[in-house]
Amino acid sequence: MKGALSSTGGVVFAPEKQSGLFKKCAYVNALACKRCGTVFALKLADNPDKLTD
């Protein structure tokens, strides 16, 4: 699924193509290295199945 990350009150993933009145999105959790700043292990936080139609 292709989408975008945005930072309004937390990073969220929103699918590029959606139907319906209410747009679906899910918060994104990640891990980061304090030494080098690499961000990895991106994962949808809650109910990723709600993004599918």
N, C-alpha and C. Protein backbone atom coordinates (compact mmCIF):
# COMPACT_ATOMS: atom_id res chain seq x y z
N MET A 1 0.85 -1.17 0.00
CA MET A 1 0.00 0.00 0.00
C MET A 1 0.90 1.23 0.00
N LYS A 2 0.62 2.18 -0.86
CA LYS A 2 1.41 3.39 -0.95
C LYS A 2 0.68 4.51 -0.23
N GLY A 3 1.41 5.36 0.47
CA GLY A 3 0.78 6.45 1.20
C GLY A 3 1.79 7.49 1.60
N ALA A 4 1.39 8.35 2.53
CA ALA A 4 2.25 9.45 2.96
C ALA A 4 2.33 9.49 4.49
N LEU A 5 3.44 10.00 4.99
CA LEU A 5 3.58 10.24 6.42
C LEU A 5 3.41 11.73 6.66
N SER A 6 2.67 12.09 7.69
CA SER A 6 2.51 13.49 8.04
C SER A 6 2.62 13.64 9.54
N SER A 7 2.85 14.85 10.03
CA SER A 7 3.10 15.01 11.46
C SER A 7 2.17 16.00 12.15
N THR A 8 0.90 15.85 11.99
CA THR A 8 -0.07 16.68 12.69
C THR A 8 -0.50 15.94 13.95
N GLY A 9 0.10 16.24 15.07
CA GLY A 9 -0.25 15.55 16.31
C GLY A 9 0.28 14.14 16.38
N GLY A 10 1.35 13.85 15.65
CA GLY A 10 1.93 12.51 15.59
C GLY A 10 2.02 12.07 14.15
N VAL A 11 2.92 11.17 13.86
CA VAL A 11 3.09 10.70 12.48
C VAL A 11 2.00 9.69 12.19
N VAL A 12 1.32 9.88 11.07
CA VAL A 12 0.25 8.98 10.65
C VAL A 12 0.49 8.52 9.22
N PHE A 13 -0.02 7.33 8.91
CA PHE A 13 0.00 6.81 7.55
C PHE A 13 -1.42 6.90 7.01
N ALA A 14 -1.55 7.46 5.82
CA ALA A 14 -2.85 7.56 5.16
C ALA A 14 -2.72 6.98 3.75
N PRO A 15 -3.51 5.96 3.40
CA PRO A 15 -3.44 5.41 2.05
C PRO A 15 -3.70 6.48 0.99
N GLU A 16 -3.02 6.36 -0.13
CA GLU A 16 -3.12 7.33 -1.21
C GLU A 16 -4.52 7.37 -1.81
N LYS A 17 -5.13 6.21 -2.02
CA LYS A 17 -6.48 6.13 -2.60
C LYS A 17 -7.45 5.65 -1.54
N GLN A 18 -8.50 6.43 -1.32
CA GLN A 18 -9.52 6.08 -0.33
C GLN A 18 -10.90 6.42 -0.87
N SER A 19 -11.87 5.69 -0.39
CA SER A 19 -13.25 5.99 -0.75
C SER A 19 -14.02 6.24 0.53
N GLY A 20 -15.15 6.89 0.40
CA GLY A 20 -15.98 7.15 1.57
C GLY A 20 -15.79 8.55 2.11
N LEU A 21 -16.67 8.91 3.03
CA LEU A 21 -16.68 10.24 3.61
C LEU A 21 -15.56 10.44 4.62
N PHE A 22 -15.31 9.44 5.44
CA PHE A 22 -14.28 9.55 6.48
C PHE A 22 -12.99 8.92 5.99
N LYS A 23 -11.91 9.70 6.02
CA LYS A 23 -10.61 9.20 5.57
C LYS A 23 -9.99 8.36 6.67
N LYS A 24 -9.33 7.28 6.27
CA LYS A 24 -8.73 6.36 7.23
C LYS A 24 -7.23 6.65 7.35
N CYS A 25 -6.73 6.51 8.57
CA CYS A 25 -5.31 6.65 8.81
C CYS A 25 -4.94 5.88 10.07
N ALA A 26 -3.66 5.64 10.26
CA ALA A 26 -3.18 4.94 11.45
C ALA A 26 -1.88 5.59 11.91
N TYR A 27 -1.71 5.72 13.21
CA TYR A 27 -0.46 6.25 13.74
C TYR A 27 0.67 5.29 13.46
N VAL A 28 1.89 5.83 13.33
CA VAL A 28 3.07 5.04 13.03
C VAL A 28 4.03 5.09 14.22
N ASN A 29 4.49 3.93 14.64
CA ASN A 29 5.53 3.82 15.66
C ASN A 29 6.83 3.44 14.96
N ALA A 30 7.95 3.83 15.55
CA ALA A 30 9.24 3.49 14.96
C ALA A 30 10.29 3.39 16.07
N LEU A 31 11.40 2.79 15.72
CA LEU A 31 12.57 2.75 16.60
C LEU A 31 13.63 3.62 15.96
N ALA A 32 14.50 4.21 16.79
CA ALA A 32 15.56 5.06 16.26
C ALA A 32 16.84 4.83 17.05
N CYS A 33 17.96 4.93 16.37
CA CYS A 33 19.27 4.80 17.00
C CYS A 33 19.68 6.16 17.55
N LYS A 34 19.99 6.22 18.84
CA LYS A 34 20.38 7.48 19.46
C LYS A 34 21.77 7.93 19.01
N ARG A 35 22.61 6.99 18.56
CA ARG A 35 23.96 7.35 18.13
C ARG A 35 23.99 7.95 16.73
N CYS A 36 23.35 7.27 15.77
CA CYS A 36 23.47 7.71 14.37
C CYS A 36 22.20 8.36 13.81
N GLY A 37 21.08 8.24 14.51
CA GLY A 37 19.85 8.86 14.05
C GLY A 37 19.06 8.06 13.04
N THR A 38 19.47 6.83 12.76
CA THR A 38 18.74 5.99 11.81
C THR A 38 17.38 5.61 12.39
N VAL A 39 16.33 5.80 11.60
CA VAL A 39 14.98 5.40 11.98
C VAL A 39 14.68 4.08 11.29
N PHE A 40 14.16 3.11 12.04
CA PHE A 40 13.89 1.80 11.48
C PHE A 40 12.69 1.18 12.19
N ALA A 41 12.28 0.02 11.73
CA ALA A 41 11.18 -0.75 12.32
C ALA A 41 9.88 0.06 12.36
N LEU A 42 9.55 0.72 11.26
CA LEU A 42 8.27 1.43 11.19
C LEU A 42 7.14 0.42 11.27
N LYS A 43 6.14 0.71 12.09
CA LYS A 43 5.01 -0.21 12.27
C LYS A 43 3.76 0.60 12.58
N LEU A 44 2.63 0.19 11.97
CA LEU A 44 1.37 0.85 12.29
C LEU A 44 0.99 0.52 13.73
N ALA A 45 0.59 1.53 14.49
CA ALA A 45 0.37 1.38 15.92
C ALA A 45 -0.91 0.61 16.27
N ASP A 46 -2.03 1.04 15.76
CA ASP A 46 -3.31 0.47 16.17
C ASP A 46 -4.16 0.03 14.99
N ASN A 47 -4.68 -1.16 15.05
CA ASN A 47 -5.65 -1.67 14.09
C ASN A 47 -5.29 -1.39 12.62
N PRO A 48 -4.16 -1.91 12.13
CA PRO A 48 -3.82 -1.66 10.73
C PRO A 48 -4.85 -2.22 9.76
N ASP A 49 -5.65 -3.20 10.20
CA ASP A 49 -6.68 -3.77 9.33
C ASP A 49 -7.78 -2.78 9.01
N LYS A 50 -7.92 -1.70 9.77
CA LYS A 50 -8.97 -0.72 9.49
C LYS A 50 -8.68 0.08 8.22
N LEU A 51 -7.44 -0.01 7.69
CA LEU A 51 -7.08 0.72 6.47
C LEU A 51 -7.59 0.04 5.22
N THR A 52 -7.95 -1.23 5.30
CA THR A 52 -8.41 -1.94 4.12
C THR A 52 -9.92 -1.83 3.99
N ASP A 53 -10.36 -1.79 2.75
CA ASP A 53 -11.79 -1.70 2.48
C ASP A 53 -12.42 -3.08 2.46
